[in-house]
Each structure stands twice: as structure tokens, then as C-alpha cells.
Amino acid sequence: MSGERRITKRSAFPMPVRYQQKSSQVFSNTLGRDISETGIGFVSSEFFPISTQLVFETQHPENRNFIKVAGEVMWVSKYPHSERFSVGARFLGPLLPLS
């Protein structure tokens, strides 16, 4: 039995991603790992507790328009021998164009 619980297909997404906690005005920069219609995977030097709400800004993987979307951290995994984390977040709303 597989541990895979995703309902939408993921695509590799090695693109720049900006994110901030909803309660903060400070953005951090990172690279995405993968993206789907329902969420994003990315690498972070910050630890986020499950359910942390974030706002993401990046380019849409298909049309390259800049987008903004709210998300919620669903899982966090620490990279071995590193101070970095692999983070998975699900989107909480539609992908909005950045104005």
C-alpha cells in the first residue's frame, strides 16, 4: 500500500518562490520542488509548524504569469545533515494574478 494521498498530479517546479507567514510583512525567497492544482512543495531554512498559514508568490507553471496564493503547511521533513527543511503546503484559495 502506498503512502501517497495526493489527488492531483504533481509537476517538477524548480522555480523561484517568495513566501511569508500571514502574520508577517517579511518575505523569504526559496526554490520550489513541485506544484499541483492543490499545493506546492518547497525547500526552507525555516521550520514551520503544521497548519502555519503562508502566502506564496511565484510564476504560474504553465503561462508564467506571476501569481499569489494562500496556503497551509501540511507536512515538514528535515533534510539529513542539513539545516534545511522540505515543506508541503496545500493551497487555501485560487491562484490570483499579482497586480
PDB file of N, CA and C in Angstrom:
ATOM      1  N   MET A   1       0.843  -1.180   0.000  1.00  0.00           N
ATOM      2  CA  MET A   1       0.000   0.000   0.000  1.00  0.00           C
ATOM      3  C   MET A   1       0.886   1.239   0.000  1.00  0.00           C
ATOM      4  N   SER A   2       0.591   2.190  -0.859  1.00  0.00           N
ATOM      5  CA  SER A   2       1.374   3.414  -0.989  1.00  0.00           C
ATOM      6  C   SER A   2       0.921   4.443   0.037  1.00  0.00           C
ATOM      7  N   GLY A   3       1.872   5.287   0.487  1.00  0.00           N
ATOM      8  CA  GLY A   3       1.551   6.366   1.405  1.00  0.00           C
ATOM      9  C   GLY A   3       1.079   7.613   0.677  1.00  0.00           C
ATOM     10  N   GLU A   4       1.024   7.565  -0.622  1.00  0.00           N
ATOM     11  CA  GLU A   4       0.620   8.710  -1.436  1.00  0.00           C
ATOM     12  C   GLU A   4      -0.854   9.026  -1.220  1.00  0.00           C
ATOM     13  N   ARG A   5      -1.150  10.286  -0.815  1.00  0.00           N
ATOM     14  CA  ARG A   5      -2.534  10.680  -0.564  1.00  0.00           C
ATOM     15  C   ARG A   5      -2.984  11.816  -1.475  1.00  0.00           C
ATOM     16  N   ARG A   6      -2.128  12.254  -2.370  1.00  0.00           N
ATOM     17  CA  ARG A   6      -2.483  13.370  -3.242  1.00  0.00           C
ATOM     18  C   ARG A   6      -3.547  12.941  -4.247  1.00  0.00           C
ATOM     19  N   ILE A   7      -4.432  13.890  -4.557  1.00  0.00           N
ATOM     20  CA  ILE A   7      -5.484  13.598  -5.522  1.00  0.00           C
ATOM     21  C   ILE A   7      -5.223  14.273  -6.865  1.00  0.00           C
ATOM     22  N   THR A   8      -4.208  15.140  -6.934  1.00  0.00           N
ATOM     23  CA  THR A   8      -3.861  15.791  -8.196  1.00  0.00           C
ATOM     24  C   THR A   8      -2.404  15.503  -8.535  1.00  0.00           C
ATOM     25  N   LYS A   9      -2.102  15.533  -9.821  1.00  0.00           N
ATOM     26  CA  LYS A   9      -0.760  15.222 -10.301  1.00  0.00           C
ATOM     27  C   LYS A   9       0.214  16.354  -9.967  1.00  0.00           C
ATOM     28  N   ARG A  10       1.394  15.980  -9.465  1.00  0.00           N
ATOM     29  CA  ARG A  10       2.452  16.947  -9.189  1.00  0.00           C
ATOM     30  C   ARG A  10       3.342  17.084 -10.413  1.00  0.00           C
ATOM     31  N   SER A  11       3.890  18.281 -10.591  1.00  0.00           N
ATOM     32  CA  SER A  11       4.874  18.539 -11.637  1.00  0.00           C
ATOM     33  C   SER A  11       6.107  19.141 -10.988  1.00  0.00           C
ATOM     34  N   ALA A  12       7.278  18.791 -11.512  1.00  0.00           N
ATOM     35  CA  ALA A  12       8.511  19.409 -11.011  1.00  0.00           C
ATOM     36  C   ALA A  12       8.386  20.921 -11.162  1.00  0.00           C
ATOM     37  N   PHE A  13       8.911  21.654 -10.179  1.00  0.00           N
ATOM     38  CA  PHE A  13       8.759  23.111 -10.171  1.00  0.00           C
ATOM     39  C   PHE A  13      10.006  23.766  -9.580  1.00  0.00           C
ATOM     40  N   PRO A  14      11.137  23.705 -10.294  1.00  0.00           N
ATOM     41  CA  PRO A  14      12.369  24.318  -9.784  1.00  0.00           C
ATOM     42  C   PRO A  14      12.413  25.816 -10.083  1.00  0.00           C
ATOM     43  N   MET A  15      11.396  26.542  -9.617  1.00  0.00           N
ATOM     44  CA  MET A  15      11.259  27.971  -9.895  1.00  0.00           C
ATOM     45  C   MET A  15      11.398  28.771  -8.603  1.00  0.00           C
ATOM     46  N   PRO A  16      11.814  30.043  -8.714  1.00  0.00           N
ATOM     47  CA  PRO A  16      11.864  30.896  -7.528  1.00  0.00           C
ATOM     48  C   PRO A  16      10.472  31.062  -6.917  1.00  0.00           C
ATOM     49  N   VAL A  17      10.422  31.027  -5.597  1.00  0.00           N
ATOM     50  CA  VAL A  17       9.178  31.204  -4.844  1.00  0.00           C
ATOM     51  C   VAL A  17       9.456  32.182  -3.707  1.00  0.00           C
ATOM     52  N   ARG A  18       8.567  33.166  -3.553  1.00  0.00           N
ATOM     53  CA  ARG A  18       8.615  34.051  -2.378  1.00  0.00           C
ATOM     54  C   ARG A  18       7.477  33.625  -1.463  1.00  0.00           C
ATOM     55  N   TYR A  19       7.741  33.642  -0.154  1.00  0.00           N
ATOM     56  CA  TYR A  19       6.675  33.290   0.784  1.00  0.00           C
ATOM     57  C   TYR A  19       6.798  34.127   2.042  1.00  0.00           C
ATOM     58  N   GLN A  20       5.684  34.286   2.723  1.00  0.00           N
ATOM     59  CA  GLN A  20       5.665  34.984   4.010  1.00  0.00           C
ATOM     60  C   GLN A  20       4.598  34.336   4.874  1.00  0.00           C
ATOM     61  N   GLN A  21       4.822  34.395   6.183  1.00  0.00           N
ATOM     62  CA  GLN A  21       3.763  33.963   7.087  1.00  0.00           C
ATOM     63  C   GLN A  21       2.672  35.014   7.025  1.00  0.00           C
ATOM     64  N   LYS A  22       1.426  34.591   7.130  1.00  0.00           N
ATOM     65  CA  LYS A  22       0.308  35.530   7.025  1.00  0.00           C
ATOM     66  C   LYS A  22       0.396  36.651   8.052  1.00  0.00           C
ATOM     67  N   SER A  23       1.017  36.382   9.191  1.00  0.00           N
ATOM     68  CA  SER A  23       1.111  37.379  10.258  1.00  0.00           C
ATOM     69  C   SER A  23       2.331  38.282  10.109  1.00  0.00           C
ATOM     70  N   SER A  24       3.090  38.157   9.015  1.00  0.00           N
ATOM     71  CA  SER A  24       4.341  38.894   8.835  1.00  0.00           C
ATOM     72  C   SER A  24       4.291  39.733   7.561  1.00  0.00           C
ATOM     73  N   GLN A  25       5.116  40.763   7.514  1.00  0.00           N
ATOM     74  CA  GLN A  25       5.269  41.570   6.307  1.00  0.00           C
ATOM     75  C   GLN A  25       6.554  41.221   5.564  1.00  0.00           C
ATOM     76  N   VAL A  26       7.360  40.309   6.129  1.00  0.00           N
ATOM     77  CA  VAL A  26       8.666  39.968   5.575  1.00  0.00           C
ATOM     78  C   VAL A  26       8.552  38.739   4.679  1.00  0.00           C
ATOM     79  N   PHE A  27       9.036  38.868   3.453  1.00  0.00           N
ATOM     80  CA  PHE A  27       9.073  37.739   2.524  1.00  0.00           C
ATOM     81  C   PHE A  27      10.423  37.046   2.597  1.00  0.00           C
ATOM     82  N   SER A  28      10.426  35.738   2.377  1.00  0.00           N
ATOM     83  CA  SER A  28      11.642  34.939   2.224  1.00  0.00           C
ATOM     84  C   SER A  28      11.643  34.381   0.809  1.00  0.00           C
ATOM     85  N   ASN A  29      12.826  34.074   0.304  1.00  0.00           N
ATOM     86  CA  ASN A  29      12.973  33.535  -1.047  1.00  0.00           C
ATOM     87  C   ASN A  29      13.498  32.116  -0.991  1.00  0.00           C
ATOM     88  N   THR A  30      13.009  31.274  -1.895  1.00  0.00           N
ATOM     89  CA  THR A  30      13.456  29.890  -1.967  1.00  0.00           C
ATOM     90  C   THR A  30      13.196  29.354  -3.371  1.00  0.00           C
ATOM     91  N   LEU A  31      13.416  28.072  -3.543  1.00  0.00           N
ATOM     92  CA  LEU A  31      13.084  27.396  -4.796  1.00  0.00           C
ATOM     93  C   LEU A  31      11.973  26.387  -4.548  1.00  0.00           C
ATOM     94  N   GLY A  32      11.070  26.299  -5.499  1.00  0.00           N
ATOM     95  CA  GLY A  32      10.039  25.278  -5.423  1.00  0.00           C
ATOM     96  C   GLY A  32      10.623  23.915  -5.757  1.00  0.00           C
ATOM     97  N   ARG A  33       9.932  22.868  -5.334  1.00  0.00           N
ATOM     98  CA  ARG A  33      10.305  21.490  -5.685  1.00  0.00           C
ATOM     99  C   ARG A  33       9.292  20.918  -6.659  1.00  0.00           C
ATOM    100  N   ASP A  34       8.012  21.050  -6.269  1.00  0.00           N
ATOM    101  CA  ASP A  34       6.936  20.560  -7.128  1.00  0.00           C
ATOM    102  C   ASP A  34       5.681  21.377  -6.868  1.00  0.00           C
ATOM    103  N   ILE A  35       4.738  21.268  -7.799  1.00  0.00           N
ATOM    104  CA  ILE A  35       3.497  22.033  -7.682  1.00  0.00           C
ATOM    105  C   ILE A  35       2.372  21.219  -8.313  1.00  0.00           C
ATOM    106  N   SER A  36       1.153  21.441  -7.825  1.00  0.00           N
ATOM    107  CA  SER A  36      -0.038  20.820  -8.408  1.00  0.00           C
ATOM    108  C   SER A  36      -1.165  21.839  -8.333  1.00  0.00           C
ATOM    109  N   GLU A  37      -2.349  21.443  -8.742  1.00  0.00           N
ATOM    110  CA  GLU A  37      -3.504  22.334  -8.643  1.00  0.00           C
ATOM    111  C   GLU A  37      -3.854  22.634  -7.196  1.00  0.00           C
ATOM    112  N   THR A  38      -3.443  21.765  -6.280  1.00  0.00           N
ATOM    113  CA  THR A  38      -3.879  21.909  -4.888  1.00  0.00           C
ATOM    114  C   THR A  38      -2.773  22.267  -3.903  1.00  0.00           C
ATOM    115  N   GLY A  39      -1.512  22.338  -4.346  1.00  0.00           N
ATOM    116  CA  GLY A  39      -0.464  22.658  -3.383  1.00  0.00           C
ATOM    117  C   GLY A  39       0.911  22.781  -3.999  1.00  0.00           C
ATOM    118  N   ILE A  40       1.891  23.035  -3.126  1.00  0.00           N
ATOM    119  CA  ILE A  40       3.267  23.269  -3.550  1.00  0.00           C
ATOM    120  C   ILE A  40       4.232  22.625  -2.559  1.00  0.00           C
ATOM    121  N   GLY A  41       5.338  22.137  -3.066  1.00  0.00           N
ATOM    122  CA  GLY A  41       6.435  21.656  -2.239  1.00  0.00           C
ATOM    123  C   GLY A  41       7.607  22.594  -2.432  1.00  0.00           C
ATOM    124  N   PHE A  42       8.306  22.926  -1.354  1.00  0.00           N
ATOM    125  CA  PHE A  42       9.437  23.843  -1.456  1.00  0.00           C
ATOM    126  C   PHE A  42      10.447  23.544  -0.366  1.00  0.00           C
ATOM    127  N   VAL A  43      11.611  24.151  -0.489  1.00  0.00           N
ATOM    128  CA  VAL A  43      12.693  23.982   0.472  1.00  0.00           C
ATOM    129  C   VAL A  43      12.777  25.248   1.307  1.00  0.00           C
ATOM    130  N   SER A  44      13.015  25.093   2.617  1.00  0.00           N
ATOM    131  CA  SER A  44      13.100  26.251   3.504  1.00  0.00           C
ATOM    132  C   SER A  44      14.197  26.062   4.536  1.00  0.00           C
ATOM    133  N   SER A  45      14.818  27.162   4.909  1.00  0.00           N
ATOM    134  CA  SER A  45      15.762  27.119   6.026  1.00  0.00           C
ATOM    135  C   SER A  45      15.027  27.380   7.339  1.00  0.00           C
ATOM    136  N   GLU A  46      13.727  27.682   7.258  1.00  0.00           N
ATOM    137  CA  GLU A  46      12.893  27.914   8.437  1.00  0.00           C
ATOM    138  C   GLU A  46      12.031  26.683   8.711  1.00  0.00           C
ATOM    139  N   PHE A  47      11.830  26.381   9.990  1.00  0.00           N
ATOM    140  CA  PHE A  47      10.888  25.330  10.370  1.00  0.00           C
ATOM    141  C   PHE A  47       9.515  25.955  10.522  1.00  0.00           C
ATOM    142  N   PHE A  48       8.497  25.313   9.967  1.00  0.00           N
ATOM    143  CA  PHE A  48       7.120  25.764  10.117  1.00  0.00           C
ATOM    144  C   PHE A  48       6.297  24.675  10.778  1.00  0.00           C
ATOM    145  N   PRO A  49       5.593  24.986  11.868  1.00  0.00           N
ATOM    146  CA  PRO A  49       4.674  24.005  12.446  1.00  0.00           C
ATOM    147  C   PRO A  49       3.551  23.681  11.450  1.00  0.00           C
ATOM    148  N   ILE A  50       3.003  22.480  11.555  1.00  0.00           N
ATOM    149  CA  ILE A  50       1.850  22.092  10.745  1.00  0.00           C
ATOM    150  C   ILE A  50       0.744  23.120  10.972  1.00  0.00           C
ATOM    151  N   SER A  51       0.013  23.449   9.933  1.00  0.00           N
ATOM    152  CA  SER A  51      -1.098  24.412   9.925  1.00  0.00           C
ATOM    153  C   SER A  51      -0.658  25.868   9.839  1.00  0.00           C
ATOM    154  N   THR A  52       0.660  26.141   9.774  1.00  0.00           N
ATOM    155  CA  THR A  52       1.113  27.518   9.586  1.00  0.00           C
ATOM    156  C   THR A  52       0.560  28.029   8.262  1.00  0.00           C
ATOM    157  N   GLN A  53      -0.008  29.232   8.286  1.00  0.00           N
ATOM    158  CA  GLN A  53      -0.558  29.805   7.062  1.00  0.00           C
ATOM    159  C   GLN A  53       0.482  30.709   6.411  1.00  0.00           C
ATOM    160  N   LEU A  54       0.679  30.500   5.114  1.00  0.00           N
ATOM    161  CA  LEU A  54       1.672  31.233   4.337  1.00  0.00           C
ATOM    162  C   LEU A  54       1.010  31.860   3.116  1.00  0.00           C
ATOM    163  N   VAL A  55       1.656  32.879   2.580  1.00  0.00           N
ATOM    164  CA  VAL A  55       1.264  33.464   1.300  1.00  0.00           C
ATOM    165  C   VAL A  55       2.433  33.255   0.346  1.00  0.00           C
ATOM    166  N   PHE A  56       2.153  32.710  -0.833  1.00  0.00           N
ATOM    167  CA  PHE A  56       3.183  32.417  -1.833  1.00  0.00           C
ATOM    168  C   PHE A  56       3.043  33.362  -3.018  1.00  0.00           C
ATOM    169  N   GLU A  57       4.189  33.763  -3.576  1.00  0.00           N
ATOM    170  CA  GLU A  57       4.233  34.491  -4.838  1.00  0.00           C
ATOM    171  C   GLU A  57       5.229  33.769  -5.731  1.00  0.00           C
ATOM    172  N   THR A  58       4.808  33.459  -6.953  1.00  0.00           N
ATOM    173  CA  THR A  58       5.673  32.757  -7.900  1.00  0.00           C
ATOM    174  C   THR A  58       5.097  32.928  -9.300  1.00  0.00           C
ATOM    175  N   GLN A  59       5.685  32.250 -10.269  1.00  0.00           N
ATOM    176  CA  GLN A  59       5.149  32.259 -11.624  1.00  0.00           C
ATOM    177  C   GLN A  59       4.322  31.004 -11.850  1.00  0.00           C
ATOM    178  N   HIS A  60       3.189  31.169 -12.527  1.00  0.00           N
ATOM    179  CA  HIS A  60       2.344  30.033 -12.869  1.00  0.00           C
ATOM    180  C   HIS A  60       3.151  29.077 -13.741  1.00  0.00           C
ATOM    181  N   PRO A  61       3.122  27.772 -13.450  1.00  0.00           N
ATOM    182  CA  PRO A  61       3.971  26.830 -14.190  1.00  0.00           C
ATOM    183  C   PRO A  61       3.625  26.685 -15.674  1.00  0.00           C
ATOM    184  N   GLU A  62       2.420  27.052 -16.071  1.00  0.00           N
ATOM    185  CA  GLU A  62       2.038  26.884 -17.478  1.00  0.00           C
ATOM    186  C   GLU A  62       2.189  28.155 -18.297  1.00  0.00           C
ATOM    187  N   ASN A  63       1.684  29.289 -17.785  1.00  0.00           N
ATOM    188  CA  ASN A  63       1.704  30.508 -18.597  1.00  0.00           C
ATOM    189  C   ASN A  63       2.730  31.538 -18.122  1.00  0.00           C
ATOM    190  N   ARG A  64       3.413  31.256 -17.040  1.00  0.00           N
ATOM    191  CA  ARG A  64       4.480  32.104 -16.487  1.00  0.00           C
ATOM    192  C   ARG A  64       3.995  33.463 -15.976  1.00  0.00           C
ATOM    193  N   ASN A  65       2.670  33.663 -15.854  1.00  0.00           N
ATOM    194  CA  ASN A  65       2.164  34.872 -15.218  1.00  0.00           C
ATOM    195  C   ASN A  65       2.483  34.808 -13.735  1.00  0.00           C
ATOM    196  N   PHE A  66       2.739  35.958 -13.122  1.00  0.00           N
ATOM    197  CA  PHE A  66       3.013  35.977 -11.689  1.00  0.00           C
ATOM    198  C   PHE A  66       1.709  35.805 -10.919  1.00  0.00           C
ATOM    199  N   ILE A  67       1.756  34.958  -9.893  1.00  0.00           N
ATOM    200  CA  ILE A  67       0.560  34.630  -9.116  1.00  0.00           C
ATOM    201  C   ILE A  67       0.835  34.750  -7.623  1.00  0.00           C
ATOM    202  N   LYS A  68      -0.260  34.864  -6.874  1.00  0.00           N
ATOM    203  CA  LYS A  68      -0.207  34.921  -5.409  1.00  0.00           C
ATOM    204  C   LYS A  68      -1.286  33.984  -4.896  1.00  0.00           C
ATOM    205  N   VAL A  69      -0.956  33.200  -3.858  1.00  0.00           N
ATOM    206  CA  VAL A  69      -1.937  32.261  -3.319  1.00  0.00           C
ATOM    207  C   VAL A  69      -1.635  31.992  -1.845  1.00  0.00           C
ATOM    208  N   ALA A  70      -2.682  31.852  -1.042  1.00  0.00           N
ATOM    209  CA  ALA A  70      -2.520  31.487   0.367  1.00  0.00           C
ATOM    210  C   ALA A  70      -2.407  29.974   0.467  1.00  0.00           C
ATOM    211  N   GLY A  71      -1.670  29.513   1.468  1.00  0.00           N
ATOM    212  CA  GLY A  71      -1.509  28.079   1.674  1.00  0.00           C
ATOM    213  C   GLY A  71      -1.345  27.743   3.139  1.00  0.00           C
ATOM    214  N   GLU A  72      -1.418  26.456   3.433  1.00  0.00           N
ATOM    215  CA  GLU A  72      -1.286  25.957   4.802  1.00  0.00           C
ATOM    216  C   GLU A  72      -0.299  24.794   4.808  1.00  0.00           C
ATOM    217  N   VAL A  73       0.667  24.852   5.717  1.00  0.00           N
ATOM    218  CA  VAL A  73       1.672  23.793   5.820  1.00  0.00           C
ATOM    219  C   VAL A  73       0.996  22.498   6.257  1.00  0.00           C
ATOM    220  N   MET A  74       1.215  21.434   5.462  1.00  0.00           N
ATOM    221  CA  MET A  74       0.631  20.128   5.747  1.00  0.00           C
ATOM    222  C   MET A  74       1.649  19.154   6.318  1.00  0.00           C
ATOM    223  N   TRP A  75       2.918  19.305   5.921  1.00  0.00           N
ATOM    224  CA  TRP A  75       3.971  18.429   6.436  1.00  0.00           C
ATOM    225  C   TRP A  75       5.327  19.121   6.305  1.00  0.00           C
ATOM    226  N   VAL A  76       6.260  18.710   7.164  1.00  0.00           N
ATOM    227  CA  VAL A  76       7.630  19.235   7.163  1.00  0.00           C
ATOM    228  C   VAL A  76       8.567  18.061   7.408  1.00  0.00           C
ATOM    229  N   SER A  77       9.662  18.014   6.654  1.00  0.00           N
ATOM    230  CA  SER A  77      10.659  16.963   6.816  1.00  0.00           C
ATOM    231  C   SER A  77      12.047  17.593   6.779  1.00  0.00           C
ATOM    232  N   LYS A  78      12.865  17.315   7.788  1.00  0.00           N
ATOM    233  CA  LYS A  78      14.217  17.881   7.849  1.00  0.00           C
ATOM    234  C   LYS A  78      15.144  17.068   6.963  1.00  0.00           C
ATOM    235  N   TYR A  79      15.947  17.778   6.161  1.00  0.00           N
ATOM    236  CA  TYR A  79      16.964  17.099   5.362  1.00  0.00           C
ATOM    237  C   TYR A  79      18.052  16.585   6.290  1.00  0.00           C
ATOM    238  N   PRO A  80      18.525  15.354   6.103  1.00  0.00           N
ATOM    239  CA  PRO A  80      19.604  14.824   6.947  1.00  0.00           C
ATOM    240  C   PRO A  80      20.875  15.660   6.804  1.00  0.00           C
ATOM    241  N   HIS A  81      21.555  15.854   7.910  1.00  0.00           N
ATOM    242  CA  HIS A  81      22.840  16.561   7.941  1.00  0.00           C
ATOM    243  C   HIS A  81      22.733  17.961   7.348  1.00  0.00           C
ATOM    244  N   SER A  82      21.618  18.631   7.578  1.00  0.00           N
ATOM    245  CA  SER A  82      21.379  19.944   6.991  1.00  0.00           C
ATOM    246  C   SER A  82      20.499  20.761   7.920  1.00  0.00           C
ATOM    247  N   GLU A  83      20.511  22.051   7.720  1.00  0.00           N
ATOM    248  CA  GLU A  83      19.623  22.950   8.466  1.00  0.00           C
ATOM    249  C   GLU A  83      18.435  23.363   7.591  1.00  0.00           C
ATOM    250  N   ARG A  84      18.119  22.555   6.607  1.00  0.00           N
ATOM    251  CA  ARG A  84      17.036  22.876   5.689  1.00  0.00           C
ATOM    252  C   ARG A  84      15.892  21.876   5.834  1.00  0.00           C
ATOM    253  N   PHE A  85      14.719  22.318   5.409  1.00  0.00           N
ATOM    254  CA  PHE A  85      13.507  21.516   5.527  1.00  0.00           C
ATOM    255  C   PHE A  85      12.809  21.415   4.175  1.00  0.00           C
ATOM    256  N   SER A  86      12.223  20.275   3.919  1.00  0.00           N
ATOM    257  CA  SER A  86      11.327  20.089   2.789  1.00  0.00           C
ATOM    258  C   SER A  86       9.918  20.317   3.342  1.00  0.00           C
ATOM    259  N   VAL A  87       9.159  21.182   2.687  1.00  0.00           N
ATOM    260  CA  VAL A  87       7.851  21.585   3.204  1.00  0.00           C
ATOM    261  C   VAL A  87       6.788  21.340   2.135  1.00  0.00           C
ATOM    262  N   GLY A  88       5.646  20.833   2.548  1.00  0.00           N
ATOM    263  CA  GLY A  88       4.497  20.670   1.664  1.00  0.00           C
ATOM    264  C   GLY A  88       3.348  21.513   2.168  1.00  0.00           C
ATOM    265  N   ALA A  89       2.761  22.314   1.287  1.00  0.00           N
ATOM    266  CA  ALA A  89       1.636  23.169   1.673  1.00  0.00           C
ATOM    267  C   ALA A  89       0.500  22.975   0.681  1.00  0.00           C
ATOM    268  N   ARG A  90      -0.725  23.016   1.190  1.00  0.00           N
ATOM    269  CA  ARG A  90      -1.887  22.949   0.293  1.00  0.00           C
ATOM    270  C   ARG A  90      -2.418  24.362   0.114  1.00  0.00           C
ATOM    271  N   PHE A  91      -2.902  24.635  -1.078  1.00  0.00           N
ATOM    272  CA  PHE A  91      -3.454  25.949  -1.373  1.00  0.00           C
ATOM    273  C   PHE A  91      -4.814  26.096  -0.700  1.00  0.00           C
ATOM    274  N   LEU A  92      -5.074  27.299  -0.193  1.00  0.00           N
ATOM    275  CA  LEU A  92      -6.333  27.577   0.501  1.00  0.00           C
ATOM    276  C   LEU A  92      -7.316  28.356  -0.359  1.00  0.00           C
ATOM    277  N   GLY A  93      -6.876  28.773  -1.508  1.00  0.00           N
ATOM    278  CA  GLY A  93      -7.760  29.549  -2.368  1.00  0.00           C
ATOM    279  C   GLY A  93      -7.272  29.497  -3.798  1.00  0.00           C
ATOM    280  N   PRO A  94      -7.892  30.296  -4.647  1.00  0.00           N
ATOM    281  CA  PRO A  94      -7.500  30.300  -6.056  1.00  0.00           C
ATOM    282  C   PRO A  94      -6.158  30.997  -6.257  1.00  0.00           C
ATOM    283  N   LEU A  95      -5.509  30.684  -7.378  1.00  0.00           N
ATOM    284  CA  LEU A  95      -4.275  31.357  -7.762  1.00  0.00           C
ATOM    285  C   LEU A  95      -4.658  32.719  -8.319  1.00  0.00           C
ATOM    286  N   LEU A  96      -4.221  33.797  -7.656  1.00  0.00           N
ATOM    287  CA  LEU A  96      -4.595  35.147  -8.061  1.00  0.00           C
ATOM    288  C   LEU A  96      -3.452  35.817  -8.802  1.00  0.00           C
ATOM    289  N   PRO A  97      -3.749  36.574  -9.865  1.00  0.00           N
ATOM    290  CA  PRO A  97      -2.679  37.290 -10.556  1.00  0.00           C
ATOM    291  C   PRO A  97      -2.120  38.387  -9.662  1.00  0.00           C
ATOM    292  N   LEU A  98      -0.809  38.599  -9.720  1.00  0.00           N
ATOM    293  CA  LEU A  98      -0.193  39.706  -8.992  1.00  0.00           C
ATOM    294  C   LEU A  98      -0.419  40.970  -9.799  1.00  0.00           C
ATOM    295  N   SER A  99      -0.909  42.011  -9.126  1.00  0.00           N
ATOM    296  CA  SER A  99      -1.151  43.254  -9.865  1.00  0.00           C
ATOM    297  C   SER A  99       0.021  44.188  -9.774  1.00  0.00           C
TER     298      SER A  99
END
